[in-house]
Amino acid sequence: MFAGERKKTSGRLFPFPHPYDEYRQILTRSARLVLDKQRESNAFMVDDKNEPVIKQLFLYLKMDESFFR
């Protein structure tokens, strides 16, 4: 994040209200819907290669302090 950006957005945003397990389910379902709409034959799944990024996105959405360090 750029210096001061957090201050600008902190009043307009709110932390994601769900735990990680629910976030992961929502993300997986949404990704599968997008792939289905595009008639993509590949399936979306969370694995050891993409889960670290998915966890970082979750921390960002939760506005967790560990993300912003």
PDB file of N, CA and C in Angstrom:
ATOM      1  N   MET A   1       0.828  -1.178   0.000  1.00  0.00           N
ATOM      2  CA  MET A   1       0.000   0.000   0.000  1.00  0.00           C
ATOM      3  C   MET A   1       0.873   1.242   0.000  1.00  0.00           C
ATOM      4  N   PHE A   2       0.397   2.275  -0.628  1.00  0.00           N
ATOM      5  CA  PHE A   2       1.120   3.529  -0.649  1.00  0.00           C
ATOM      6  C   PHE A   2       0.903   4.276   0.659  1.00  0.00           C
ATOM      7  N   ALA A   3       1.854   5.102   0.993  1.00  0.00           N
ATOM      8  CA  ALA A   3       1.757   5.881   2.220  1.00  0.00           C
ATOM      9  C   ALA A   3       0.486   6.720   2.213  1.00  0.00           C
ATOM     10  N   GLY A   4      -0.273   6.645   3.272  1.00  0.00           N
ATOM     11  CA  GLY A   4      -1.487   7.433   3.393  1.00  0.00           C
ATOM     12  C   GLY A   4      -2.714   6.824   2.755  1.00  0.00           C
ATOM     13  N   GLU A   5      -2.544   5.820   1.926  1.00  0.00           N
ATOM     14  CA  GLU A   5      -3.696   5.226   1.237  1.00  0.00           C
ATOM     15  C   GLU A   5      -4.656   4.571   2.215  1.00  0.00           C
ATOM     16  N   ARG A   6      -4.115   3.938   3.227  1.00  0.00           N
ATOM     17  CA  ARG A   6      -4.977   3.264   4.199  1.00  0.00           C
ATOM     18  C   ARG A   6      -5.878   4.265   4.919  1.00  0.00           C
ATOM     19  N   LYS A   7      -5.344   5.426   5.214  1.00  0.00           N
ATOM     20  CA  LYS A   7      -6.140   6.443   5.885  1.00  0.00           C
ATOM     21  C   LYS A   7      -7.300   6.891   5.003  1.00  0.00           C
ATOM     22  N   LYS A   8      -7.069   7.022   3.717  1.00  0.00           N
ATOM     23  CA  LYS A   8      -8.110   7.469   2.799  1.00  0.00           C
ATOM     24  C   LYS A   8      -9.250   6.473   2.706  1.00  0.00           C
ATOM     25  N   THR A   9      -8.943   5.182   2.704  1.00  0.00           N
ATOM     26  CA  THR A   9      -9.969   4.167   2.481  1.00  0.00           C
ATOM     27  C   THR A   9     -10.537   3.598   3.769  1.00  0.00           C
ATOM     28  N   SER A  10      -9.918   3.845   4.898  1.00  0.00           N
ATOM     29  CA  SER A  10     -10.347   3.188   6.126  1.00  0.00           C
ATOM     30  C   SER A  10     -11.780   3.540   6.520  1.00  0.00           C
ATOM     31  N   GLY A  11     -12.263   4.696   6.179  1.00  0.00           N
ATOM     32  CA  GLY A  11     -13.623   5.067   6.527  1.00  0.00           C
ATOM     33  C   GLY A  11     -14.670   4.501   5.594  1.00  0.00           C
ATOM     34  N   ARG A  12     -14.268   4.055   4.415  1.00  0.00           N
ATOM     35  CA  ARG A  12     -15.226   3.584   3.417  1.00  0.00           C
ATOM     36  C   ARG A  12     -15.302   2.066   3.338  1.00  0.00           C
ATOM     37  N   LEU A  13     -14.306   1.374   3.834  1.00  0.00           N
ATOM     38  CA  LEU A  13     -14.271  -0.071   3.730  1.00  0.00           C
ATOM     39  C   LEU A  13     -14.610  -0.712   5.064  1.00  0.00           C
ATOM     40  N   PHE A  14     -15.018  -1.958   5.014  1.00  0.00           N
ATOM     41  CA  PHE A  14     -15.254  -2.701   6.238  1.00  0.00           C
ATOM     42  C   PHE A  14     -14.638  -4.081   6.067  1.00  0.00           C
ATOM     43  N   PRO A  15     -14.196  -4.676   7.151  1.00  0.00           N
ATOM     44  CA  PRO A  15     -13.555  -5.992   7.054  1.00  0.00           C
ATOM     45  C   PRO A  15     -14.528  -7.078   6.597  1.00  0.00           C
ATOM     46  N   PHE A  16     -14.017  -8.017   5.842  1.00  0.00           N
ATOM     47  CA  PHE A  16     -14.789  -9.168   5.388  1.00  0.00           C
ATOM     48  C   PHE A  16     -15.303  -9.901   6.622  1.00  0.00           C
ATOM     49  N   PRO A  17     -16.615 -10.138   6.713  1.00  0.00           N
ATOM     50  CA  PRO A  17     -17.189 -10.629   7.968  1.00  0.00           C
ATOM     51  C   PRO A  17     -17.187 -12.150   8.162  1.00  0.00           C
ATOM     52  N   HIS A  18     -16.577 -12.907   7.280  1.00  0.00           N
ATOM     53  CA  HIS A  18     -16.651 -14.365   7.369  1.00  0.00           C
ATOM     54  C   HIS A  18     -15.303 -14.973   7.730  1.00  0.00           C
ATOM     55  N   PRO A  19     -15.313 -16.161   8.347  1.00  0.00           N
ATOM     56  CA  PRO A  19     -14.044 -16.846   8.637  1.00  0.00           C
ATOM     57  C   PRO A  19     -13.423 -17.407   7.361  1.00  0.00           C
ATOM     58  N   TYR A  20     -12.165 -17.838   7.459  1.00  0.00           N
ATOM     59  CA  TYR A  20     -11.418 -18.309   6.291  1.00  0.00           C
ATOM     60  C   TYR A  20     -12.115 -19.462   5.580  1.00  0.00           C
ATOM     61  N   ASP A  21     -12.661 -20.412   6.305  1.00  0.00           N
ATOM     62  CA  ASP A  21     -13.315 -21.562   5.664  1.00  0.00           C
ATOM     63  C   ASP A  21     -14.478 -21.125   4.765  1.00  0.00           C
ATOM     64  N   GLU A  22     -15.280 -20.179   5.245  1.00  0.00           N
ATOM     65  CA  GLU A  22     -16.395 -19.681   4.436  1.00  0.00           C
ATOM     66  C   GLU A  22     -15.873 -18.892   3.232  1.00  0.00           C
ATOM     67  N   TYR A  23     -14.850 -18.081   3.448  1.00  0.00           N
ATOM     68  CA  TYR A  23     -14.241 -17.319   2.358  1.00  0.00           C
ATOM     69  C   TYR A  23     -13.757 -18.264   1.265  1.00  0.00           C
ATOM     70  N   ARG A  24     -13.100 -19.326   1.674  1.00  0.00           N
ATOM     71  CA  ARG A  24     -12.580 -20.300   0.718  1.00  0.00           C
ATOM     72  C   ARG A  24     -13.719 -20.962  -0.071  1.00  0.00           C
ATOM     73  N   GLN A  25     -14.796 -21.281   0.592  1.00  0.00           N
ATOM     74  CA  GLN A  25     -15.961 -21.864  -0.090  1.00  0.00           C
ATOM     75  C   GLN A  25     -16.576 -20.873  -1.073  1.00  0.00           C
ATOM     76  N   ILE A  26     -16.738 -19.634  -0.649  1.00  0.00           N
ATOM     77  CA  ILE A  26     -17.306 -18.595  -1.522  1.00  0.00           C
ATOM     78  C   ILE A  26     -16.424 -18.392  -2.741  1.00  0.00           C
ATOM     79  N   LEU A  27     -15.114 -18.296  -2.522  1.00  0.00           N
ATOM     80  CA  LEU A  27     -14.179 -18.102  -3.624  1.00  0.00           C
ATOM     81  C   LEU A  27     -14.218 -19.277  -4.597  1.00  0.00           C
ATOM     82  N   THR A  28     -14.215 -20.486  -4.070  1.00  0.00           N
ATOM     83  CA  THR A  28     -14.237 -21.681  -4.914  1.00  0.00           C
ATOM     84  C   THR A  28     -15.511 -21.754  -5.740  1.00  0.00           C
ATOM     85  N   ARG A  29     -16.639 -21.509  -5.123  1.00  0.00           N
ATOM     86  CA  ARG A  29     -17.913 -21.527  -5.862  1.00  0.00           C
ATOM     87  C   ARG A  29     -17.952 -20.448  -6.938  1.00  0.00           C
ATOM     88  N   SER A  30     -17.485 -19.263  -6.582  1.00  0.00           N
ATOM     89  CA  SER A  30     -17.483 -18.166  -7.558  1.00  0.00           C
ATOM     90  C   SER A  30     -16.570 -18.474  -8.737  1.00  0.00           C
ATOM     91  N   ALA A  31     -15.395 -18.995  -8.445  1.00  0.00           N
ATOM     92  CA  ALA A  31     -14.451 -19.337  -9.518  1.00  0.00           C
ATOM     93  C   ALA A  31     -15.025 -20.424 -10.426  1.00  0.00           C
ATOM     94  N   ARG A  32     -15.682 -21.394  -9.823  1.00  0.00           N
ATOM     95  CA  ARG A  32     -16.290 -22.454 -10.634  1.00  0.00           C
ATOM     96  C   ARG A  32     -17.411 -21.915 -11.519  1.00  0.00           C
ATOM     97  N   LEU A  33     -18.191 -20.982 -11.002  1.00  0.00           N
ATOM     98  CA  LEU A  33     -19.250 -20.364 -11.812  1.00  0.00           C
ATOM     99  C   LEU A  33     -18.664 -19.600 -12.993  1.00  0.00           C
ATOM    100  N   VAL A  34     -17.599 -18.858 -12.749  1.00  0.00           N
ATOM    101  CA  VAL A  34     -16.952 -18.111 -13.833  1.00  0.00           C
ATOM    102  C   VAL A  34     -16.423 -19.072 -14.889  1.00  0.00           C
ATOM    103  N   LEU A  35     -15.765 -20.132 -14.462  1.00  0.00           N
ATOM    104  CA  LEU A  35     -15.225 -21.104 -15.410  1.00  0.00           C
ATOM    105  C   LEU A  35     -16.339 -21.800 -16.194  1.00  0.00           C
ATOM    106  N   ASP A  36     -17.439 -22.110 -15.508  1.00  0.00           N
ATOM    107  CA  ASP A  36     -18.584 -22.719 -16.203  1.00  0.00           C
ATOM    108  C   ASP A  36     -19.171 -21.781 -17.255  1.00  0.00           C
ATOM    109  N   LYS A  37     -19.313 -20.508 -16.904  1.00  0.00           N
ATOM    110  CA  LYS A  37     -19.849 -19.533 -17.856  1.00  0.00           C
ATOM    111  C   LYS A  37     -18.968 -19.405 -19.093  1.00  0.00           C
ATOM    112  N   GLN A  38     -17.673 -19.559 -18.891  1.00  0.00           N
ATOM    113  CA  GLN A  38     -16.732 -19.460 -20.010  1.00  0.00           C
ATOM    114  C   GLN A  38     -16.554 -20.806 -20.719  1.00  0.00           C
ATOM    115  N   ARG A  39     -17.315 -21.797 -20.277  1.00  0.00           N
ATOM    116  CA  ARG A  39     -17.247 -23.154 -20.839  1.00  0.00           C
ATOM    117  C   ARG A  39     -15.828 -23.715 -20.787  1.00  0.00           C
ATOM    118  N   GLU A  40     -15.190 -23.419 -19.686  1.00  0.00           N
ATOM    119  CA  GLU A  40     -13.823 -23.887 -19.463  1.00  0.00           C
ATOM    120  C   GLU A  40     -13.871 -25.313 -18.913  1.00  0.00           C
ATOM    121  N   SER A  41     -13.065 -26.175 -19.468  1.00  0.00           N
ATOM    122  CA  SER A  41     -13.083 -27.575 -19.024  1.00  0.00           C
ATOM    123  C   SER A  41     -12.254 -27.795 -17.757  1.00  0.00           C
ATOM    124  N   ASN A  42     -11.373 -26.862 -17.423  1.00  0.00           N
ATOM    125  CA  ASN A  42     -10.577 -26.989 -16.204  1.00  0.00           C
ATOM    126  C   ASN A  42     -11.395 -26.601 -14.986  1.00  0.00           C
ATOM    127  N   ALA A  43     -11.148 -27.273 -13.888  1.00  0.00           N
ATOM    128  CA  ALA A  43     -11.849 -26.979 -12.644  1.00  0.00           C
ATOM    129  C   ALA A  43     -10.946 -26.142 -11.734  1.00  0.00           C
ATOM    130  N   PHE A  44     -11.572 -25.274 -10.947  1.00  0.00           N
ATOM    131  CA  PHE A  44     -10.811 -24.494  -9.967  1.00  0.00           C
ATOM    132  C   PHE A  44     -10.738 -25.287  -8.678  1.00  0.00           C
ATOM    133  N   MET A  45      -9.551 -25.333  -8.121  1.00  0.00           N
ATOM    134  CA  MET A  45      -9.392 -25.967  -6.822  1.00  0.00           C
ATOM    135  C   MET A  45      -8.283 -25.267  -6.050  1.00  0.00           C
ATOM    136  N   VAL A  46      -8.443 -25.251  -4.747  1.00  0.00           N
ATOM    137  CA  VAL A  46      -7.421 -24.683  -3.882  1.00  0.00           C
ATOM    138  C   VAL A  46      -6.406 -25.793  -3.611  1.00  0.00           C
ATOM    139  N   ASP A  47      -5.145 -25.490  -3.894  1.00  0.00           N
ATOM    140  CA  ASP A  47      -4.093 -26.478  -3.648  1.00  0.00           C
ATOM    141  C   ASP A  47      -2.905 -25.786  -2.984  1.00  0.00           C
ATOM    142  N   ASP A  48      -1.835 -26.532  -2.782  1.00  0.00           N
ATOM    143  CA  ASP A  48      -0.681 -25.965  -2.084  1.00  0.00           C
ATOM    144  C   ASP A  48       0.034 -24.884  -2.878  1.00  0.00           C
ATOM    145  N   LYS A  49      -0.246 -24.776  -4.161  1.00  0.00           N
ATOM    146  CA  LYS A  49       0.389 -23.746  -4.987  1.00  0.00           C
ATOM    147  C   LYS A  49      -0.340 -22.405  -4.928  1.00  0.00           C
ATOM    148  N   ASN A  50      -1.661 -22.430  -4.824  1.00  0.00           N
ATOM    149  CA  ASN A  50      -2.390 -21.164  -4.820  1.00  0.00           C
ATOM    150  C   ASN A  50      -2.937 -20.767  -3.442  1.00  0.00           C
ATOM    151  N   GLU A  51      -2.922 -21.674  -2.484  1.00  0.00           N
ATOM    152  CA  GLU A  51      -3.477 -21.336  -1.173  1.00  0.00           C
ATOM    153  C   GLU A  51      -2.739 -20.199  -0.464  1.00  0.00           C
ATOM    154  N   PRO A  52      -1.412 -20.093  -0.542  1.00  0.00           N
ATOM    155  CA  PRO A  52      -0.772 -18.934   0.107  1.00  0.00           C
ATOM    156  C   PRO A  52      -1.290 -17.587  -0.421  1.00  0.00           C
ATOM    157  N   VAL A  53      -1.537 -17.497  -1.703  1.00  0.00           N
ATOM    158  CA  VAL A  53      -2.067 -16.253  -2.279  1.00  0.00           C
ATOM    159  C   VAL A  53      -3.510 -16.040  -1.830  1.00  0.00           C
ATOM    160  N   ILE A  54      -4.280 -17.104  -1.804  1.00  0.00           N
ATOM    161  CA  ILE A  54      -5.673 -17.021  -1.355  1.00  0.00           C
ATOM    162  C   ILE A  54      -5.726 -16.570   0.101  1.00  0.00           C
ATOM    163  N   LYS A  55      -4.824 -17.061   0.921  1.00  0.00           N
ATOM    164  CA  LYS A  55      -4.767 -16.630   2.325  1.00  0.00           C
ATOM    165  C   LYS A  55      -4.389 -15.157   2.429  1.00  0.00           C
ATOM    166  N   GLN A  56      -3.478 -14.691   1.582  1.00  0.00           N
ATOM    167  CA  GLN A  56      -3.107 -13.274   1.592  1.00  0.00           C
ATOM    168  C   GLN A  56      -4.282 -12.393   1.184  1.00  0.00           C
ATOM    169  N   LEU A  57      -5.034 -12.822   0.186  1.00  0.00           N
ATOM    170  CA  LEU A  57      -6.237 -12.075  -0.206  1.00  0.00           C
ATOM    171  C   LEU A  57      -7.237 -12.017   0.941  1.00  0.00           C
ATOM    172  N   PHE A  58      -7.376 -13.131   1.647  1.00  0.00           N
ATOM    173  CA  PHE A  58      -8.274 -13.171   2.801  1.00  0.00           C
ATOM    174  C   PHE A  58      -7.826 -12.180   3.868  1.00  0.00           C
ATOM    175  N   LEU A  59      -6.539 -12.150   4.181  1.00  0.00           N
ATOM    176  CA  LEU A  59      -6.031 -11.208   5.178  1.00  0.00           C
ATOM    177  C   LEU A  59      -6.270  -9.766   4.747  1.00  0.00           C
ATOM    178  N   TYR A  60      -6.115  -9.497   3.457  1.00  0.00           N
ATOM    179  CA  TYR A  60      -6.397  -8.156   2.933  1.00  0.00           C
ATOM    180  C   TYR A  60      -7.869  -7.803   3.128  1.00  0.00           C
ATOM    181  N   LEU A  61      -8.750  -8.725   2.763  1.00  0.00           N
ATOM    182  CA  LEU A  61     -10.184  -8.472   2.900  1.00  0.00           C
ATOM    183  C   LEU A  61     -10.605  -8.315   4.358  1.00  0.00           C
ATOM    184  N   LYS A  62      -9.946  -9.037   5.252  1.00  0.00           N
ATOM    185  CA  LYS A  62     -10.239  -8.923   6.677  1.00  0.00           C
ATOM    186  C   LYS A  62      -9.632  -7.656   7.294  1.00  0.00           C
ATOM    187  N   MET A  63      -8.773  -6.980   6.500  1.00  0.00           N
ATOM    188  CA  MET A  63      -8.035  -5.816   6.985  1.00  0.00           C
ATOM    189  C   MET A  63      -7.172  -6.205   8.188  1.00  0.00           C
ATOM    190  N   ASP A  64      -6.602  -7.390   8.099  1.00  0.00           N
ATOM    191  CA  ASP A  64      -5.752  -7.919   9.150  1.00  0.00           C
ATOM    192  C   ASP A  64      -4.423  -7.178   9.164  1.00  0.00           C
ATOM    193  N   GLU A  65      -3.969  -6.803  10.341  1.00  0.00           N
ATOM    194  CA  GLU A  65      -2.724  -6.046  10.465  1.00  0.00           C
ATOM    195  C   GLU A  65      -1.523  -6.796   9.897  1.00  0.00           C
ATOM    196  N   SER A  66      -1.544  -8.123   9.956  1.00  0.00           N
ATOM    197  CA  SER A  66      -0.404  -8.881   9.446  1.00  0.00           C
ATOM    198  C   SER A  66      -0.227  -8.725   7.942  1.00  0.00           C
ATOM    199  N   PHE A  67      -1.280  -8.398   7.223  1.00  0.00           N
ATOM    200  CA  PHE A  67      -1.172  -8.167   5.791  1.00  0.00           C
ATOM    201  C   PHE A  67      -0.429  -6.872   5.489  1.00  0.00           C
ATOM    202  N   PHE A  68      -0.641  -5.872   6.307  1.00  0.00           N
ATOM    203  CA  PHE A  68      -0.128  -4.537   6.034  1.00  0.00           C
ATOM    204  C   PHE A  68       1.287  -4.304   6.566  1.00  0.00           C
ATOM    205  N   ARG A  69       1.921  -5.322   7.109  1.00  0.00           N
ATOM    206  CA  ARG A  69       3.297  -5.177   7.610  1.00  0.00           C
ATOM    207  C   ARG A  69       4.290  -5.379   6.527  1.00  0.00           C
TER     208      ARG A  69
END
